[in-house]
Structures are given as structure tokens and as C-alpha cells.
Amino acid sequence: MEIKLYSAIHKQDCLRVFDSNLDKYFAPHEREQFVEFLDSVAQADDNQYYVALQDGQLVGCGGLRLYQDTVYLSWGMLARTKHKTGLGEQLLRHRLEQATRLHPGKEIVIETSQHTQGFFARYGFAIEKSETNGFGEGIDKVTMRLNDQMHSPPK
């Protein structure tokens, strides 16, 4: 898998990946937020949003942003057909490496759902709070913080 910085040419493929995860992982109303995010990150001087390519096809995307001295993992996803293939781990490892390289010593947080909290828990994230239906009907908002900055994901 190849991981590189997002650019506007990746927008439609990222939206395709988003759409493949609708209903269980993302609520329909979040699509417009994602479009706005993609438009803004393409113009940003400090773009830290990445795309994952497999055999030349965009299969995932995800990034990070610094906000008030905390690094937030943002809009991470894989095409639904690529879940449970190990690609998510590769993308997460890349994002964590970038976070610690670009923002050493900063805490790392993610807002995810109950459907993916177990994945992040395996990599050292612990639940701070959970809000029922926080992202949409049937999609709880789970805030998780990385416990140990030096934590290495399992092999």
C-alpha cells in the first residue's frame, strides 16, 4: 500500500470511500461536512490528510490536525470492502508516526463510533466519553485518547 498526501484530484475517490461506509460508520448528513473538509484541506498549507492507494486505486484516507495543543485524528476510513484486511492498521500507523514526528509530545485523540472503538483500543486508545447517537441515529460519538505516546500497534 502506498500512502501520500491528499490533493483535490483525490476528492471523488475519497467520497466513494465515504459512501461505501454510510449508515453504519457515517450518517448521511456527515457527507457535506466531509466535502467541506476535503475542499479546505486541499487549500491548506499544512495539509496533513493522506490517501491510501493499493494497486493504484484509492482504498482509504485519513489525517490529523492540531487543535489547542492536541492532535486529533480526522476523517479516517477505508473502503468497506477493505475492512479487516490490515490496511486500516497501516494507515493508522502512518498517521500516528506523522503525529509524533510533526507534533512531538502532543496528546493524540480521536472521535470515532462504537463500531470502530475496538479497533482503536487495540492500539492503545482508551475511551474518555461516549455520547449516544452523537454522530447520528445509531452512531455514537466515542472520544478516545492514546494512553502511551510510545505505544506500538501489535504486529
C-alpha atoms as a PDB file:
ATOM      1  CA  MET A   1       0.000   0.000   0.000  1.00  0.00           C
ATOM      2  CA  GLU A   2       1.224   3.491  -0.855  1.00  0.00           C
ATOM      3  CA  ILE A   3       0.293   6.447   1.358  1.00  0.00           C
ATOM      4  CA  LYS A   4       0.632  10.001   0.114  1.00  0.00           C
ATOM      5  CA  LEU A   5      -0.716  13.479   0.775  1.00  0.00           C
ATOM      6  CA  TYR A   6      -4.257  14.233  -0.328  1.00  0.00           C
ATOM      7  CA  SER A   7      -4.842  16.620  -3.218  1.00  0.00           C
ATOM      8  CA  ALA A   8      -8.023  17.785  -4.945  1.00  0.00           C
ATOM      9  CA  ILE A   9      -7.640  15.063  -7.605  1.00  0.00           C
ATOM     10  CA  HIS A  10      -8.487  12.503  -4.896  1.00  0.00           C
ATOM     11  CA  LYS A  11     -11.790  14.115  -3.866  1.00  0.00           C
ATOM     12  CA  GLN A  12     -14.207  11.915  -5.813  1.00  0.00           C
ATOM     13  CA  ASP A  13     -12.424   8.714  -4.775  1.00  0.00           C
ATOM     14  CA  CYS A  14     -12.486   9.802  -1.115  1.00  0.00           C
ATOM     15  CA  LEU A  15     -16.221  10.468  -1.437  1.00  0.00           C
ATOM     16  CA  ARG A  16     -16.664   6.998  -2.929  1.00  0.00           C
ATOM     17  CA  VAL A  17     -14.889   5.525   0.103  1.00  0.00           C
ATOM     18  CA  PHE A  18     -17.090   7.619   2.411  1.00  0.00           C
ATOM     19  CA  ASP A  19     -20.254   6.487   0.605  1.00  0.00           C
ATOM     20  CA  SER A  20     -19.241   2.834   0.994  1.00  0.00           C
ATOM     21  CA  ASN A  21     -19.348   3.365   4.768  1.00  0.00           C
ATOM     22  CA  LEU A  22     -22.699   5.154   5.011  1.00  0.00           C
ATOM     23  CA  ASP A  23     -25.305   4.099   7.540  1.00  0.00           C
ATOM     24  CA  LYS A  24     -23.136   2.006   9.852  1.00  0.00           C
ATOM     25  CA  TYR A  25     -19.997   4.163  10.115  1.00  0.00           C
ATOM     26  CA  PHE A  26     -21.148   7.581   8.895  1.00  0.00           C
ATOM     27  CA  ALA A  27     -24.512   9.332   8.929  1.00  0.00           C
ATOM     28  CA  PRO A  28     -25.781  10.784   5.637  1.00  0.00           C
ATOM     29  CA  HIS A  29     -25.653  14.364   6.959  1.00  0.00           C
ATOM     30  CA  GLU A  30     -21.895  13.996   7.578  1.00  0.00           C
ATOM     31  CA  ARG A  31     -21.201  13.792   3.829  1.00  0.00           C
ATOM     32  CA  GLU A  32     -21.495  17.571   3.382  1.00  0.00           C
ATOM     33  CA  GLN A  33     -19.124  18.090   6.325  1.00  0.00           C
ATOM     34  CA  PHE A  34     -16.647  15.736   4.677  1.00  0.00           C
ATOM     35  CA  VAL A  35     -16.944  17.590   1.343  1.00  0.00           C
ATOM     36  CA  GLU A  36     -16.219  20.895   3.111  1.00  0.00           C
ATOM     37  CA  PHE A  37     -13.294  19.306   4.918  1.00  0.00           C
ATOM     38  CA  LEU A  38     -11.806  17.957   1.669  1.00  0.00           C
ATOM     39  CA  ASP A  39     -12.195  21.339  -0.016  1.00  0.00           C
ATOM     40  CA  SER A  40     -10.477  23.108   2.872  1.00  0.00           C
ATOM     41  CA  VAL A  41      -7.614  20.634   3.265  1.00  0.00           C
ATOM     42  CA  ALA A  42      -6.801  20.807  -0.453  1.00  0.00           C
ATOM     43  CA  GLN A  43      -6.123  24.533   0.018  1.00  0.00           C
ATOM     44  CA  ALA A  44      -4.245  24.230   3.319  1.00  0.00           C
ATOM     45  CA  ASP A  45      -0.531  24.948   3.540  1.00  0.00           C
ATOM     46  CA  ASP A  46      -0.250  22.455   6.379  1.00  0.00           C
ATOM     47  CA  ASN A  47      -2.189  19.592   4.741  1.00  0.00           C
ATOM     48  CA  GLN A  48      -1.891  16.514   6.941  1.00  0.00           C
ATOM     49  CA  TYR A  49      -4.559  14.427   5.223  1.00  0.00           C
ATOM     50  CA  TYR A  50      -3.442  11.261   3.474  1.00  0.00           C
ATOM     51  CA  VAL A  51      -4.761   8.839   0.899  1.00  0.00           C
ATOM     52  CA  ALA A  52      -4.019   5.128   0.808  1.00  0.00           C
ATOM     53  CA  LEU A  53      -3.558   3.529  -2.597  1.00  0.00           C
ATOM     54  CA  GLN A  54      -3.492  -0.170  -3.385  1.00  0.00           C
ATOM     55  CA  ASP A  55      -2.569  -1.156  -6.926  1.00  0.00           C
ATOM     56  CA  GLY A  56      -3.184   2.451  -7.970  1.00  0.00           C
ATOM     57  CA  GLN A  57      -6.705   2.535  -6.537  1.00  0.00           C
ATOM     58  CA  LEU A  58      -7.623   4.821  -3.654  1.00  0.00           C
ATOM     59  CA  VAL A  59      -8.833   2.495  -0.889  1.00  0.00           C
ATOM     60  CA  GLY A  60      -8.678   4.760   2.157  1.00  0.00           C
ATOM     61  CA  CYS A  61      -7.972   8.166   3.584  1.00  0.00           C
ATOM     62  CA  GLY A  62      -7.345   9.773   6.939  1.00  0.00           C
ATOM     63  CA  GLY A  63      -5.409  12.532   8.532  1.00  0.00           C
ATOM     64  CA  LEU A  64      -4.646  14.563  11.583  1.00  0.00           C
ATOM     65  CA  ARG A  65      -4.933  18.134  12.749  1.00  0.00           C
ATOM     66  CA  LEU A  66      -3.534  20.090  15.639  1.00  0.00           C
ATOM     67  CA  TYR A  67      -6.146  21.917  17.689  1.00  0.00           C
ATOM     68  CA  GLN A  68      -5.450  23.632  21.018  1.00  0.00           C
ATOM     69  CA  ASP A  69      -2.264  21.671  21.678  1.00  0.00           C
ATOM     70  CA  THR A  70      -3.891  18.275  20.951  1.00  0.00           C
ATOM     71  CA  VAL A  71      -3.542  16.178  17.799  1.00  0.00           C
ATOM     72  CA  TYR A  72      -6.865  14.873  16.510  1.00  0.00           C
ATOM     73  CA  LEU A  73      -7.029  12.013  14.045  1.00  0.00           C
ATOM     74  CA  SER A  74      -9.559  13.101  11.441  1.00  0.00           C
ATOM     75  CA  TRP A  75     -11.831  11.518   8.849  1.00  0.00           C
ATOM     76  CA  GLY A  76     -10.136   8.135   8.739  1.00  0.00           C
ATOM     77  CA  MET A  77     -11.787   5.442   6.643  1.00  0.00           C
ATOM     78  CA  LEU A  78     -11.231   2.521   4.321  1.00  0.00           C
ATOM     79  CA  ALA A  79     -13.467   1.348   1.510  1.00  0.00           C
ATOM     80  CA  ARG A  80     -15.909  -1.043   3.149  1.00  0.00           C
ATOM     81  CA  THR A  81     -14.620  -3.927   1.011  1.00  0.00           C
ATOM     82  CA  LYS A  82     -11.151  -3.356   2.520  1.00  0.00           C
ATOM     83  CA  HIS A  83     -12.158  -3.592   6.193  1.00  0.00           C
ATOM     84  CA  LYS A  84     -10.336  -6.303   8.171  1.00  0.00           C
ATOM     85  CA  THR A  85      -7.525  -6.601   5.612  1.00  0.00           C
ATOM     86  CA  GLY A  86      -4.738  -4.954   7.626  1.00  0.00           C
ATOM     87  CA  LEU A  87      -4.839  -1.789   5.522  1.00  0.00           C
ATOM     88  CA  GLY A  88      -6.512   0.137   8.332  1.00  0.00           C
ATOM     89  CA  GLU A  89      -3.615  -0.703  10.620  1.00  0.00           C
ATOM     90  CA  GLN A  90      -1.114   0.536   8.029  1.00  0.00           C
ATOM     91  CA  LEU A  91      -2.993   3.803   7.609  1.00  0.00           C
ATOM     92  CA  LEU A  92      -3.301   4.271  11.379  1.00  0.00           C
ATOM     93  CA  ARG A  93       0.419   3.558  11.889  1.00  0.00           C
ATOM     94  CA  HIS A  94       1.260   6.172   9.275  1.00  0.00           C
ATOM     95  CA  ARG A  95      -0.995   8.756  10.902  1.00  0.00           C
ATOM     96  CA  LEU A  96       0.454   8.081  14.362  1.00  0.00           C
ATOM     97  CA  GLU A  97       4.008   8.295  13.014  1.00  0.00           C
ATOM     98  CA  GLN A  98       3.201  11.622  11.351  1.00  0.00           C
ATOM     99  CA  ALA A  99       1.526  12.919  14.505  1.00  0.00           C
ATOM    100  CA  THR A 100       4.544  12.145  16.682  1.00  0.00           C
ATOM    101  CA  ARG A 101       7.016  13.427  14.056  1.00  0.00           C
ATOM    102  CA  LEU A 102       5.170  16.688  13.350  1.00  0.00           C
ATOM    103  CA  HIS A 103       3.841  17.305  16.861  1.00  0.00           C
ATOM    104  CA  PRO A 104       6.197  15.591  19.344  1.00  0.00           C
ATOM    105  CA  GLY A 105       4.882  15.250  22.868  1.00  0.00           C
ATOM    106  CA  LYS A 106       1.314  16.240  21.976  1.00  0.00           C
ATOM    107  CA  GLU A 107      -1.582  14.087  23.092  1.00  0.00           C
ATOM    108  CA  ILE A 108      -3.485  12.218  20.371  1.00  0.00           C
ATOM    109  CA  VAL A 109      -7.281  11.998  20.381  1.00  0.00           C
ATOM    110  CA  ILE A 110      -9.881  10.502  18.064  1.00  0.00           C
ATOM    111  CA  GLU A 111     -13.631  10.881  17.912  1.00  0.00           C
ATOM    112  CA  THR A 112     -14.950   7.638  16.483  1.00  0.00           C
ATOM    113  CA  SER A 113     -18.022   5.430  16.782  1.00  0.00           C
ATOM    114  CA  GLN A 114     -18.914   2.403  18.853  1.00  0.00           C
ATOM    115  CA  HIS A 115     -18.411   0.354  15.684  1.00  0.00           C
ATOM    116  CA  THR A 116     -14.694   1.184  15.465  1.00  0.00           C
ATOM    117  CA  GLN A 117     -13.724   1.866  19.076  1.00  0.00           C
ATOM    118  CA  GLY A 118     -12.459  -1.704  19.471  1.00  0.00           C
ATOM    119  CA  PHE A 119     -10.029  -1.222  16.585  1.00  0.00           C
ATOM    120  CA  PHE A 120      -8.530   1.878  18.214  1.00  0.00           C
ATOM    121  CA  ALA A 121      -8.488   0.259  21.661  1.00  0.00           C
ATOM    122  CA  ARG A 122      -6.112  -2.400  20.275  1.00  0.00           C
ATOM    123  CA  TYR A 123      -3.629   0.373  19.522  1.00  0.00           C
ATOM    124  CA  GLY A 124      -3.629   1.975  22.952  1.00  0.00           C
ATOM    125  CA  PHE A 125      -6.602   4.331  22.761  1.00  0.00           C
ATOM    126  CA  ALA A 126      -8.881   4.476  25.810  1.00  0.00           C
ATOM    127  CA  ILE A 127     -12.421   5.799  25.969  1.00  0.00           C
ATOM    128  CA  GLU A 128     -12.808   9.202  27.627  1.00  0.00           C
ATOM    129  CA  LYS A 129     -16.502   9.692  26.944  1.00  0.00           C
ATOM    130  CA  SER A 130     -19.331   8.399  24.817  1.00  0.00           C
ATOM    131  CA  GLU A 131     -22.407  10.200  23.520  1.00  0.00           C
ATOM    132  CA  THR A 132     -25.320   8.065  22.335  1.00  0.00           C
ATOM    133  CA  ASN A 133     -26.292   8.981  18.748  1.00  0.00           C
ATOM    134  CA  GLY A 134     -23.633  11.719  18.841  1.00  0.00           C
ATOM    135  CA  PHE A 135     -22.906  11.457  15.115  1.00  0.00           C
ATOM    136  CA  GLY A 136     -26.383  10.356  14.057  1.00  0.00           C
ATOM    137  CA  GLU A 137     -29.082   7.796  14.720  1.00  0.00           C
ATOM    138  CA  GLY A 138     -27.370   4.572  15.770  1.00  0.00           C
ATOM    139  CA  ILE A 139     -23.865   6.075  15.574  1.00  0.00           C
ATOM    140  CA  ASP A 140     -22.471   7.002  18.978  1.00  0.00           C
ATOM    141  CA  LYS A 141     -19.680   9.565  19.312  1.00  0.00           C
ATOM    142  CA  VAL A 142     -16.846   7.954  21.262  1.00  0.00           C
ATOM    143  CA  THR A 143     -13.909  10.152  22.272  1.00  0.00           C
ATOM    144  CA  MET A 144     -10.702   8.191  22.805  1.00  0.00           C
ATOM    145  CA  ARG A 145      -7.208   9.274  23.844  1.00  0.00           C
ATOM    146  CA  LEU A 146      -3.952   7.461  23.141  1.00  0.00           C
ATOM    147  CA  ASN A 147      -2.668   6.308  26.522  1.00  0.00           C
ATOM    148  CA  ASP A 148       1.005   5.982  25.667  1.00  0.00           C
ATOM    149  CA  GLN A 149       2.681   8.105  23.005  1.00  0.00           C
ATOM    150  CA  MET A 150       5.292   5.406  22.554  1.00  0.00           C
ATOM    151  CA  HIS A 151       2.716   2.628  22.174  1.00  0.00           C
ATOM    152  CA  SER A 152       3.452   0.369  19.241  1.00  0.00           C
ATOM    153  CA  PRO A 153       0.491  -1.236  17.490  1.00  0.00           C
ATOM    154  CA  PRO A 154       0.504  -5.041  17.623  1.00  0.00           C
ATOM    155  CA  LYS A 155       2.143  -6.854  14.740  1.00  0.00           C
END
